[in-house]
PDB file of N, CA and C in Angstrom:
ATOM      1  N   MET A   1     107.210 103.288  52.236  1.00  0.00           N
ATOM      2  CA  MET A   1     105.892 103.264  53.153  1.00  0.00           C
ATOM      3  C   MET A   1     104.873 102.555  52.590  1.00  0.00           C
ATOM      4  N   THR A   2     104.485 101.140  52.963  1.00  0.00           N
ATOM      5  CA  THR A   2     103.411 100.710  53.048  1.00  0.00           C
ATOM      6  C   THR A   2     102.533 100.144  53.659  1.00  0.00           C
ATOM      7  N   VAL A   3     101.631  99.785  54.658  1.00  0.00           N
ATOM      8  CA  VAL A   3     100.914  99.985  55.510  1.00  0.00           C
ATOM      9  C   VAL A   3     100.251  98.156  54.785  1.00  0.00           C
ATOM     10  N   ARG A   4     100.431  97.023  55.376  1.00  0.00           N
ATOM     11  CA  ARG A   4      99.703  95.894  55.347  1.00  0.00           C
ATOM     12  C   ARG A   4      98.514  95.864  56.231  1.00  0.00           C
ATOM     13  N   VAL A   5      96.995  95.360  55.449  1.00  0.00           N
ATOM     14  CA  VAL A   5      96.300  95.161  56.328  1.00  0.00           C
ATOM     15  C   VAL A   5      95.724  93.905  55.988  1.00  0.00           C
ATOM     16  N   ALA A   6      96.028  93.076  56.843  1.00  0.00           N
ATOM     17  CA  ALA A   6      95.538  91.494  56.699  1.00  0.00           C
ATOM     18  C   ALA A   6      95.094  90.790  57.594  1.00  0.00           C
ATOM     19  N   VAL A   7      94.051  89.489  57.354  1.00  0.00           N
ATOM     20  CA  VAL A   7      93.532  88.816  58.400  1.00  0.00           C
ATOM     21  C   VAL A   7      93.839  87.375  58.266  1.00  0.00           C
ATOM     22  N   THR A   8      93.728  86.575  59.022  1.00  0.00           N
ATOM     23  CA  THR A   8      93.900  85.228  58.912  1.00  0.00           C
ATOM     24  C   THR A   8      92.899  84.481  59.947  1.00  0.00           C
ATOM     25  N   ILE A   9      92.067  83.561  59.374  1.00  0.00           N
ATOM     26  CA  ILE A   9      90.533  82.723  59.678  1.00  0.00           C
ATOM     27  C   ILE A   9      90.928  81.243  59.132  1.00  0.00           C
ATOM     28  N   ARG A  10      90.571  80.885  60.376  1.00  0.00           N
ATOM     29  CA  ARG A  10      90.586  78.993  60.006  1.00  0.00           C
ATOM     30  C   ARG A  10      89.581  78.649  61.385  1.00  0.00           C
ATOM     31  N   PHE A  11      88.222  77.825  60.463  1.00  0.00           N
ATOM     32  CA  PHE A  11      87.954  76.747  61.320  1.00  0.00           C
ATOM     33  C   PHE A  11      87.701  75.639  60.247  1.00  0.00           C
ATOM     34  N   ASN A  12      88.415  74.735  60.821  1.00  0.00           N
ATOM     35  CA  ASN A  12      88.862  73.502  59.921  1.00  0.00           C
ATOM     36  C   ASN A  12      87.251  72.392  59.946  1.00  0.00           C
ATOM     37  N   LYS A  13      86.744  73.045  60.632  1.00  0.00           N
ATOM     38  CA  LYS A  13      85.797  72.086  60.818  1.00  0.00           C
ATOM     39  C   LYS A  13      83.821  72.627  60.212  1.00  0.00           C
ATOM     40  N   LEU A  14      84.298  73.977  59.898  1.00  0.00           N
ATOM     41  CA  LEU A  14      82.713  74.880  59.762  1.00  0.00           C
ATOM     42  C   LEU A  14      83.602  75.353  58.031  1.00  0.00           C
ATOM     43  N   PRO A  15      83.643  74.705  57.215  1.00  0.00           N
ATOM     44  CA  PRO A  15      83.604  75.625  56.035  1.00  0.00           C
ATOM     45  C   PRO A  15      82.541  76.183  55.427  1.00  0.00           C
ATOM     46  N   GLN A  16      81.328  76.296  55.859  1.00  0.00           N
ATOM     47  CA  GLN A  16      80.105  77.047  55.663  1.00  0.00           C
ATOM     48  C   GLN A  16      80.755  78.546  55.959  1.00  0.00           C
ATOM     49  N   LEU A  17      80.572  78.233  57.453  1.00  0.00           N
ATOM     50  CA  LEU A  17      81.188  79.350  58.263  1.00  0.00           C
ATOM     51  C   LEU A  17      81.740  80.195  57.944  1.00  0.00           C
ATOM     52  N   THR A  18      82.874  79.229  57.521  1.00  0.00           N
ATOM     53  CA  THR A  18      84.473  79.425  57.298  1.00  0.00           C
ATOM     54  C   THR A  18      84.480  81.108  55.950  1.00  0.00           C
ATOM     55  N   ASP A  19      83.331  80.427  54.976  1.00  0.00           N
ATOM     56  CA  ASP A  19      83.490  80.972  53.388  1.00  0.00           C
ATOM     57  C   ASP A  19      82.705  82.725  53.953  1.00  0.00           C
ATOM     58  N   SER A  20      81.598  82.300  54.649  1.00  0.00           N
ATOM     59  CA  SER A  20      80.830  83.960  55.128  1.00  0.00           C
ATOM     60  C   SER A  20      81.786  84.539  55.947  1.00  0.00           C
ATOM     61  N   LEU A  21      82.601  83.989  56.800  1.00  0.00           N
ATOM     62  CA  LEU A  21      83.660  84.658  57.611  1.00  0.00           C
ATOM     63  C   LEU A  21      84.189  85.476  57.028  1.00  0.00           C
ATOM     64  N   SER A  22      84.770  84.603  56.496  1.00  0.00           N
ATOM     65  CA  SER A  22      86.114  85.137  55.247  1.00  0.00           C
ATOM     66  C   SER A  22      85.697  86.177  54.160  1.00  0.00           C
ATOM     67  N   ARG A  23      84.592  86.043  53.797  1.00  0.00           N
ATOM     68  CA  ARG A  23      84.203  87.232  52.588  1.00  0.00           C
ATOM     69  C   ARG A  23      83.710  88.465  53.969  1.00  0.00           C
ATOM     70  N   LEU A  24      82.972  88.361  54.700  1.00  0.00           N
ATOM     71  CA  LEU A  24      82.798  89.590  55.545  1.00  0.00           C
ATOM     72  C   LEU A  24      84.110  89.697  55.732  1.00  0.00           C
ATOM     73  N   ALA A  25      84.920  89.480  56.407  1.00  0.00           N
ATOM     74  CA  ALA A  25      86.516  89.698  56.969  1.00  0.00           C
ATOM     75  C   ALA A  25      87.643  90.436  55.326  1.00  0.00           C
ATOM     76  N   GLY A  26      87.636  89.699  54.707  1.00  0.00           N
ATOM     77  CA  GLY A  26      87.805  90.643  53.669  1.00  0.00           C
ATOM     78  C   GLY A  26      86.998  92.084  52.829  1.00  0.00           C
ATOM     79  N   ALA A  27      85.728  92.068  52.767  1.00  0.00           N
ATOM     80  CA  ALA A  27      85.454  93.244  53.232  1.00  0.00           C
ATOM     81  C   ALA A  27      85.615  94.109  54.071  1.00  0.00           C
ATOM     82  N   ALA A  28      85.950  94.359  55.061  1.00  0.00           N
ATOM     83  CA  ALA A  28      85.922  94.691  56.390  1.00  0.00           C
ATOM     84  C   ALA A  28      87.971  94.911  55.855  1.00  0.00           C
ATOM     85  N   VAL A  29      88.787  94.136  55.591  1.00  0.00           N
ATOM     86  CA  VAL A  29      89.923  94.670  55.316  1.00  0.00           C
ATOM     87  C   VAL A  29      90.153  95.755  53.960  1.00  0.00           C
ATOM     88  N   MET A  30      89.320  95.141  52.805  1.00  0.00           N
ATOM     89  CA  MET A  30      89.313  96.473  51.659  1.00  0.00           C
ATOM     90  C   MET A  30      88.826  97.670  52.224  1.00  0.00           C
ATOM     91  N   LYS A  31      87.865  97.908  53.086  1.00  0.00           N
ATOM     92  CA  LYS A  31      87.050  99.022  53.939  1.00  0.00           C
ATOM     93  C   LYS A  31      88.216  99.937  54.095  1.00  0.00           C
ATOM     94  N   ALA A  32      88.619  99.037  55.025  1.00  0.00           N
ATOM     95  CA  ALA A  32      89.730  99.695  56.037  1.00  0.00           C
ATOM     96  C   ALA A  32      91.320 100.286  55.201  1.00  0.00           C
ATOM     97  N   ALA A  33      91.454  99.557  54.212  1.00  0.00           N
ATOM     98  CA  ALA A  33      92.961  99.665  53.359  1.00  0.00           C
ATOM     99  C   ALA A  33      92.281 100.928  51.909  1.00  0.00           C
ATOM    100  N   PHE A  34      90.971 100.925  52.200  1.00  0.00           N
ATOM    101  CA  PHE A  34      90.481 101.897  51.126  1.00  0.00           C
ATOM    102  C   PHE A  34      90.592 103.529  52.367  1.00  0.00           C
ATOM    103  N   ASP A  35      89.877 103.266  53.169  1.00  0.00           N
ATOM    104  CA  ASP A  35      89.671 104.655  54.328  1.00  0.00           C
ATOM    105  C   ASP A  35      91.700 104.681  54.873  1.00  0.00           C
ATOM    106  N   ILE A  36      92.410 103.834  54.185  1.00  0.00           N
ATOM    107  CA  ILE A  36      93.746 104.585  55.538  1.00  0.00           C
ATOM    108  C   ILE A  36      94.599 104.929  53.805  1.00  0.00           C
ATOM    109  N   GLU A  37      94.090 104.841  52.889  1.00  0.00           N
ATOM    110  CA  GLU A  37      94.240 105.239  51.367  1.00  0.00           C
ATOM    111  C   GLU A  37      93.515 106.680  51.661  1.00  0.00           C
ATOM    112  N   SER A  38      92.244 106.827  51.163  1.00  0.00           N
ATOM    113  CA  SER A  38      91.767 108.388  51.455  1.00  0.00           C
ATOM    114  C   SER A  38      92.482 108.943  53.183  1.00  0.00           C
ATOM    115  N   THR A  39      92.660 108.774  53.417  1.00  0.00           N
ATOM    116  CA  THR A  39      93.208 109.519  54.769  1.00  0.00           C
ATOM    117  C   THR A  39      94.629 110.031  54.693  1.00  0.00           C
ATOM    118  N   ALA A  40      95.363 108.502  54.352  1.00  0.00           N
ATOM    119  CA  ALA A  40      96.594 109.455  53.891  1.00  0.00           C
ATOM    120  C   ALA A  40      96.964 110.545  52.647  1.00  0.00           C
ATOM    121  N   LYS A  41      95.876 110.590  51.666  1.00  0.00           N
ATOM    122  CA  LYS A  41      95.982 111.423  50.953  1.00  0.00           C
ATOM    123  C   LYS A  41      95.932 112.625  51.768  1.00  0.00           C
ATOM    124  N   THR A  42      94.625 112.838  52.449  1.00  0.00           N
ATOM    125  CA  THR A  42      94.808 114.178  53.181  1.00  0.00           C
ATOM    126  C   THR A  42      95.617 114.176  54.257  1.00  0.00           C
ATOM    127  N   LEU A  43      96.327 113.613  54.403  1.00  0.00           N
ATOM    128  CA  LEU A  43      97.772 114.313  55.402  1.00  0.00           C
ATOM    129  C   LEU A  43      99.264 114.171  55.037  1.00  0.00           C
ATOM    130  N   VAL A  44      99.027 113.146  53.544  1.00  0.00           N
ATOM    131  CA  VAL A  44     100.594 114.150  52.861  1.00  0.00           C
ATOM    132  C   VAL A  44     100.572 114.962  52.380  1.00  0.00           C
ATOM    133  N   PRO A  45     101.873 115.489  53.105  1.00  0.00           N
ATOM    134  CA  PRO A  45     102.646 116.928  52.615  1.00  0.00           C
ATOM    135  C   PRO A  45     102.402 117.060  50.781  1.00  0.00           C
ATOM    136  N   VAL A  46     102.303 118.136  50.297  1.00  0.00           N
ATOM    137  CA  VAL A  46     101.627 118.366  48.670  1.00  0.00           C
ATOM    138  C   VAL A  46     102.711 119.326  48.066  1.00  0.00           C
ATOM    139  N   ASP A  47     103.273 119.115  47.731  1.00  0.00           N
ATOM    140  CA  ASP A  47     104.356 120.268  46.621  1.00  0.00           C
ATOM    141  C   ASP A  47     104.237 119.724  45.424  1.00  0.00           C
ATOM    142  N   THR A  48     104.597 118.640  44.672  1.00  0.00           N
ATOM    143  CA  THR A  48     103.879 118.615  43.175  1.00  0.00           C
ATOM    144  C   THR A  48     102.772 117.574  42.957  1.00  0.00           C
ATOM    145  N   GLY A  49     102.628 117.132  44.209  1.00  0.00           N
ATOM    146  CA  GLY A  49     101.218 116.164  43.561  1.00  0.00           C
ATOM    147  C   GLY A  49     101.267 114.903  43.520  1.00  0.00           C
ATOM    148  N   ASN A  50     102.695 114.642  43.006  1.00  0.00           N
ATOM    149  CA  ASN A  50     103.218 112.766  43.061  1.00  0.00           C
ATOM    150  C   ASN A  50     102.852 111.955  43.883  1.00  0.00           C
ATOM    151  N   LEU A  51     103.368 112.610  44.546  1.00  0.00           N
ATOM    152  CA  LEU A  51     103.499 111.556  46.123  1.00  0.00           C
ATOM    153  C   LEU A  51     102.188 111.015  46.539  1.00  0.00           C
ATOM    154  N   LYS A  52     101.192 111.987  46.536  1.00  0.00           N
ATOM    155  CA  LYS A  52      99.958 112.046  46.728  1.00  0.00           C
ATOM    156  C   LYS A  52      98.631 111.146  45.586  1.00  0.00           C
ATOM    157  N   SER A  53      99.248 111.385  44.814  1.00  0.00           N
ATOM    158  CA  SER A  53      98.382 110.623  43.689  1.00  0.00           C
ATOM    159  C   SER A  53      98.922 109.203  43.700  1.00  0.00           C
ATOM    160  N   SER A  54     100.633 108.904  43.828  1.00  0.00           N
ATOM    161  CA  SER A  54     100.793 107.587  43.949  1.00  0.00           C
ATOM    162  C   SER A  54     100.456 106.804  45.054  1.00  0.00           C
ATOM    163  N   ILE A  55      99.612 107.104  45.963  1.00  0.00           N
ATOM    164  CA  ILE A  55      99.274 106.677  46.978  1.00  0.00           C
ATOM    165  C   ILE A  55      98.233 105.663  46.404  1.00  0.00           C
ATOM    166  N   GLN A  56      98.001 104.088  46.503  1.00  0.00           N
ATOM    167  CA  GLN A  56      97.353 103.257  45.917  1.00  0.00           C
ATOM    168  C   GLN A  56      96.870 102.192  46.963  1.00  0.00           C
ATOM    169  N   THR A  57      95.662 101.664  46.512  1.00  0.00           N
ATOM    170  CA  THR A  57      95.483 100.281  47.000  1.00  0.00           C
ATOM    171  C   THR A  57      95.427  99.325  46.617  1.00  0.00           C
ATOM    172  N   THR A  58      95.990  98.053  46.961  1.00  0.00           N
ATOM    173  CA  THR A  58      95.708  96.662  45.733  1.00  0.00           C
ATOM    174  C   THR A  58      95.487  95.786  46.845  1.00  0.00           C
ATOM    175  N   GLN A  59      94.282  95.100  46.689  1.00  0.00           N
ATOM    176  CA  GLN A  59      94.056  93.407  47.168  1.00  0.00           C
ATOM    177  C   GLN A  59      95.252  92.395  46.733  1.00  0.00           C
ATOM    178  N   GLU A  60      95.978  91.748  47.638  1.00  0.00           N
ATOM    179  CA  GLU A  60      96.998  91.124  47.684  1.00  0.00           C
ATOM    180  C   GLU A  60      96.275  89.584  47.876  1.00  0.00           C
ATOM    181  N   GLY A  61      95.286  89.372  48.590  1.00  0.00           N
ATOM    182  CA  GLY A  61      94.550  88.149  48.638  1.00  0.00           C
ATOM    183  C   GLY A  61      93.328  87.979  49.100  1.00  0.00           C
ATOM    184  N   PRO A  62      92.522  87.301  48.922  1.00  0.00           N
ATOM    185  CA  PRO A  62      90.778  87.180  49.564  1.00  0.00           C
ATOM    186  C   PRO A  62      91.572  88.302  51.156  1.00  0.00           C
ATOM    187  N   LEU A  63      92.307  87.859  51.749  1.00  0.00           N
ATOM    188  CA  LEU A  63      92.325  88.821  52.919  1.00  0.00           C
ATOM    189  C   LEU A  63      93.101  89.828  53.773  1.00  0.00           C
ATOM    190  N   THR A  64      93.802  90.200  52.818  1.00  0.00           N
ATOM    191  CA  THR A  64      95.152  90.937  52.379  1.00  0.00           C
ATOM    192  C   THR A  64      95.335  91.577  51.454  1.00  0.00           C
ATOM    193  N   ALA A  65      95.352  93.011  52.437  1.00  0.00           N
ATOM    194  CA  ALA A  65      95.601  94.353  50.972  1.00  0.00           C
ATOM    195  C   ALA A  65      96.773  95.603  51.533  1.00  0.00           C
ATOM    196  N   LEU A  66      97.249  95.714  50.161  1.00  0.00           N
ATOM    197  CA  LEU A  66      98.761  96.615  50.190  1.00  0.00           C
ATOM    198  C   LEU A  66      98.120  97.725  50.184  1.00  0.00           C
ATOM    199  N   VAL A  67      98.845  99.105  51.446  1.00  0.00           N
ATOM    200  CA  VAL A  67      98.439 100.695  51.043  1.00  0.00           C
ATOM    201  C   VAL A  67      99.601 101.087  51.018  1.00  0.00           C
ATOM    202  N   GLY A  68      99.388 102.089  49.943  1.00  0.00           N
ATOM    203  CA  GLY A  68     100.863 102.781  50.192  1.00  0.00           C
ATOM    204  C   GLY A  68     101.509 103.851  48.964  1.00  0.00           C
ATOM    205  N   PRO A  69     102.568 104.392  48.668  1.00  0.00           N
ATOM    206  CA  PRO A  69     102.655 105.270  47.718  1.00  0.00           C
ATOM    207  C   PRO A  69     103.471 104.312  46.611  1.00  0.00           C
ATOM    208  N   ARG A  70     103.424 104.400  45.530  1.00  0.00           N
ATOM    209  CA  ARG A  70     103.717 103.516  44.331  1.00  0.00           C
ATOM    210  C   ARG A  70     104.796 104.311  43.460  1.00  0.00           C
ATOM    211  N   ASP A  71     106.198 104.000  43.220  1.00  0.00           N
ATOM    212  CA  ASP A  71     107.156 104.033  42.907  1.00  0.00           C
ATOM    213  C   ASP A  71     107.530 105.378  43.254  1.00  0.00           C
ATOM    214  N   VAL A  72     107.529 106.454  44.300  1.00  0.00           N
ATOM    215  CA  VAL A  72     108.131 107.400  44.478  1.00  0.00           C
ATOM    216  C   VAL A  72     109.421 107.009  45.611  1.00  0.00           C
ATOM    217  N   ASP A  73     110.243 107.429  45.166  1.00  0.00           N
ATOM    218  CA  ASP A  73     111.575 106.781  46.091  1.00  0.00           C
ATOM    219  C   ASP A  73     111.603 107.637  47.462  1.00  0.00           C
ATOM    220  N   TYR A  74     111.325 108.872  47.400  1.00  0.00           N
ATOM    221  CA  TYR A  74     111.403 109.594  48.434  1.00  0.00           C
ATOM    222  C   TYR A  74     110.144 109.394  49.450  1.00  0.00           C
ATOM    223  N   ALA A  75     109.350 109.087  49.075  1.00  0.00           N
ATOM    224  CA  ALA A  75     107.896 108.559  50.160  1.00  0.00           C
ATOM    225  C   ALA A  75     108.586 108.636  51.207  1.00  0.00           C
ATOM    226  N   VAL A  76     109.496 107.179  51.661  1.00  0.00           N
ATOM    227  CA  VAL A  76     110.152 107.078  53.027  1.00  0.00           C
ATOM    228  C   VAL A  76     110.472 108.207  53.848  1.00  0.00           C
ATOM    229  N   TYR A  77     111.486 109.004  53.218  1.00  0.00           N
ATOM    230  CA  TYR A  77     111.949 110.005  54.003  1.00  0.00           C
ATOM    231  C   TYR A  77     110.941 111.237  54.295  1.00  0.00           C
ATOM    232  N   VAL A  78     109.890 110.980  53.336  1.00  0.00           N
ATOM    233  CA  VAL A  78     108.520 112.182  53.764  1.00  0.00           C
ATOM    234  C   VAL A  78     108.028 111.489  55.203  1.00  0.00           C
ATOM    235  N   GLU A  79     107.873 110.333  54.887  1.00  0.00           N
ATOM    236  CA  GLU A  79     107.209 109.248  56.296  1.00  0.00           C
ATOM    237  C   GLU A  79     107.925 109.933  57.786  1.00  0.00           C
ATOM    238  N   TYR A  80     109.478 109.194  57.405  1.00  0.00           N
ATOM    239  CA  TYR A  80     110.384 108.892  58.471  1.00  0.00           C
ATOM    240  C   TYR A  80     111.337 110.102  58.590  1.00  0.00           C
ATOM    241  N   GLY A  81     111.512 111.439  57.685  1.00  0.00           N
ATOM    242  CA  GLY A  81     112.206 112.002  57.878  1.00  0.00           C
ATOM    243  C   GLY A  81     113.550 112.166  57.675  1.00  0.00           C
ATOM    244  N   THR A  82     114.751 112.947  57.969  1.00  0.00           N
ATOM    245  CA  THR A  82     116.150 112.282  57.646  1.00  0.00           C
ATOM    246  C   THR A  82     116.768 113.596  57.991  1.00  0.00           C
ATOM    247  N   SER A  83     118.332 113.370  58.497  1.00  0.00           N
ATOM    248  CA  SER A  83     119.131 114.130  59.378  1.00  0.00           C
ATOM    249  C   SER A  83     119.110 115.581  58.984  1.00  0.00           C
ATOM    250  N   ARG A  84     117.926 116.158  57.504  1.00  0.00           N
ATOM    251  CA  ARG A  84     118.240 117.595  57.088  1.00  0.00           C
ATOM    252  C   ARG A  84     116.792 117.671  57.265  1.00  0.00           C
ATOM    253  N   MET A  85     116.274 116.901  57.224  1.00  0.00           N
ATOM    254  CA  MET A  85     114.169 117.391  57.274  1.00  0.00           C
ATOM    255  C   MET A  85     113.545 116.436  58.137  1.00  0.00           C
ATOM    256  N   ALA A  86     113.226 117.349  58.606  1.00  0.00           N
ATOM    257  CA  ALA A  86     111.447 116.626  59.653  1.00  0.00           C
ATOM    258  C   ALA A  86     110.968 115.891  59.354  1.00  0.00           C
ATOM    259  N   ALA A  87     110.805 114.556  59.880  1.00  0.00           N
ATOM    260  CA  ALA A  87     109.251 113.856  59.283  1.00  0.00           C
ATOM    261  C   ALA A  87     108.092 114.088  59.035  1.00  0.00           C
ATOM    262  N   GLN A  88     107.553 113.712  58.215  1.00  0.00           N
ATOM    263  CA  GLN A  88     105.640 114.281  58.149  1.00  0.00           C
ATOM    264  C   GLN A  88     105.051 112.864  57.544  1.00  0.00           C
ATOM    265  N   PRO A  89     104.995 112.178  58.802  1.00  0.00           N
ATOM    266  CA  PRO A  89     104.147 111.438  58.692  1.00  0.00           C
ATOM    267  C   PRO A  89     102.773 111.379  57.887  1.00  0.00           C
ATOM    268  N   TYR A  90     102.542 110.673  57.540  1.00  0.00           N
ATOM    269  CA  TYR A  90     101.157 110.336  56.690  1.00  0.00           C
ATOM    270  C   TYR A  90     100.337 109.184  56.673  1.00  0.00           C
ATOM    271  N   MET A  91     101.377 107.635  56.205  1.00  0.00           N
ATOM    272  CA  MET A  91     100.423 106.634  56.309  1.00  0.00           C
ATOM    273  C   MET A  91     100.788 106.119  57.802  1.00  0.00           C
ATOM    274  N   ARG A  92     101.371 106.444  58.379  1.00  0.00           N
ATOM    275  CA  ARG A  92     101.411 105.563  59.891  1.00  0.00           C
ATOM    276  C   ARG A  92      99.912 105.988  60.563  1.00  0.00           C
ATOM    277  N   PRO A  93      99.904 107.685  60.254  1.00  0.00           N
ATOM    278  CA  PRO A  93      98.596 108.361  60.994  1.00  0.00           C
ATOM    279  C   PRO A  93      97.073 107.734  60.419  1.00  0.00           C
ATOM    280  N   ALA A  94      97.676 107.484  59.111  1.00  0.00           N
ATOM    281  CA  ALA A  94      96.381 107.055  58.635  1.00  0.00           C
ATOM    282  C   ALA A  94      95.700 105.744  58.900  1.00  0.00           C
ATOM    283  N   ALA A  95      96.711 105.009  59.478  1.00  0.00           N
ATOM    284  CA  ALA A  95      96.640 103.609  59.345  1.00  0.00           C
ATOM    285  C   ALA A  95      96.001 103.491  61.415  1.00  0.00           C
ATOM    286  N   GLU A  96      96.839 104.549  61.797  1.00  0.00           N
ATOM    287  CA  GLU A  96      96.085 104.639  63.463  1.00  0.00           C
ATOM    288  C   GLU A  96      94.588 105.171  63.170  1.00  0.00           C
ATOM    289  N   ARG A  97      94.000 106.214  62.592  1.00  0.00           N
ATOM    290  CA  ARG A  97      92.485 107.007  62.552  1.00  0.00           C
ATOM    291  C   ARG A  97      91.728 105.543  62.368  1.00  0.00           C
ATOM    292  N   VAL A  98      92.391 105.006  61.385  1.00  0.00           N
ATOM    293  CA  VAL A  98      91.010 104.067  60.694  1.00  0.00           C
ATOM    294  C   VAL A  98      91.102 102.419  61.750  1.00  0.00           C
ATOM    295  N   GLN A  99      92.318 102.064  62.397  1.00  0.00           N
ATOM    296  CA  GLN A  99      92.140 101.161  63.060  1.00  0.00           C
ATOM    297  C   GLN A  99      91.040 100.639  64.072  1.00  0.00           C
ATOM    298  N   PRO A 100      90.709 101.753  65.082  1.00  0.00           N
ATOM    299  CA  PRO A 100      89.458 101.432  65.706  1.00  0.00           C
ATOM    300  C   PRO A 100      88.311 101.028  64.824  1.00  0.00           C
ATOM    301  N   ALA A 101      87.820 101.382  64.003  1.00  0.00           N
ATOM    302  CA  ALA A 101      87.143 101.584  63.369  1.00  0.00           C
ATOM    303  C   ALA A 101      86.969  99.361  62.646  1.00  0.00           C
ATOM    304  N   PHE A 102      88.214 100.127  62.134  1.00  0.00           N
ATOM    305  CA  PHE A 102      88.367  98.055  61.583  1.00  0.00           C
ATOM    306  C   PHE A 102      88.353  96.987  62.944  1.00  0.00           C
ATOM    307  N   LEU A 103      88.975  97.143  63.827  1.00  0.00           N
ATOM    308  CA  LEU A 103      88.927  96.531  65.117  1.00  0.00           C
ATOM    309  C   LEU A 103      87.552  96.404  65.402  1.00  0.00           C
ATOM    310  N   ALA A 104      86.708  97.244  65.081  1.00  0.00           N
ATOM    311  CA  ALA A 104      85.363  97.390  65.531  1.00  0.00           C
ATOM    312  C   ALA A 104      84.280  96.512  64.552  1.00  0.00           C
ATOM    313  N   ALA A 105      84.983  96.754  63.134  1.00  0.00           N
ATOM    314  CA  ALA A 105      84.422  95.493  62.315  1.00  0.00           C
ATOM    315  C   ALA A 105      84.480  93.910  62.623  1.00  0.00           C
ATOM    316  N   MET A 106      85.691  94.220  63.252  1.00  0.00           N
ATOM    317  CA  MET A 106      86.241  93.053  62.943  1.00  0.00           C
ATOM    318  C   MET A 106      85.993  91.825  64.544  1.00  0.00           C
ATOM    319  N   ARG A 107      85.281  92.691  64.965  1.00  0.00           N
ATOM    320  CA  ARG A 107      84.912  92.175  66.228  1.00  0.00           C
ATOM    321  C   ARG A 107      83.016  91.753  66.107  1.00  0.00           C
ATOM    322  N   GLN A 108      82.573  92.423  65.164  1.00  0.00           N
ATOM    323  CA  GLN A 108      81.103  92.642  64.701  1.00  0.00           C
ATOM    324  C   GLN A 108      80.932  91.379  63.990  1.00  0.00           C
ATOM    325  N   ILE A 109      82.003  91.339  63.245  1.00  0.00           N
ATOM    326  CA  ILE A 109      82.306  89.537  62.578  1.00  0.00           C
ATOM    327  C   ILE A 109      82.598  88.131  63.136  1.00  0.00           C
ATOM    328  N   VAL A 110      83.228  88.349  64.551  1.00  0.00           N
ATOM    329  CA  VAL A 110      83.346  87.653  65.251  1.00  0.00           C
ATOM    330  C   VAL A 110      82.462  86.889  65.980  1.00  0.00           C
ATOM    331  N   GLU A 111      81.431  87.965  66.092  1.00  0.00           N
ATOM    332  CA  GLU A 111      80.132  87.776  67.065  1.00  0.00           C
ATOM    333  C   GLU A 111      78.924  87.357  66.847  1.00  0.00           C
ATOM    334  N   ILE A 112      79.350  87.342  64.979  1.00  0.00           N
ATOM    335  CA  ILE A 112      78.229  86.340  64.300  1.00  0.00           C
ATOM    336  C   ILE A 112      77.947  85.162  64.917  1.00  0.00           C
TER     337      ILE A 112
END
């Protein structure tokens, strides 16, 4: 279970403005991604600590980041549950908590 944070900005006739906005948006994306990672680590249930320590943020591109557990097969079962185990969501609630601040940051960038 991973959360993708991504933004697309295109201003064909204003390359300098595009570069500036892209840098600001990229910083906002990475801040949101690291905030999601941090929040998910506080929400994830801990037994051995393996799942918690596997939650990582990776920048995929200038405006894209991937956040979530790496190489833990049971992560999806913890997030969504199974027929024998109740869900214990940690990624979705983390993303939902960070979303308002991310949207506010993006609104400020657009208003520049």
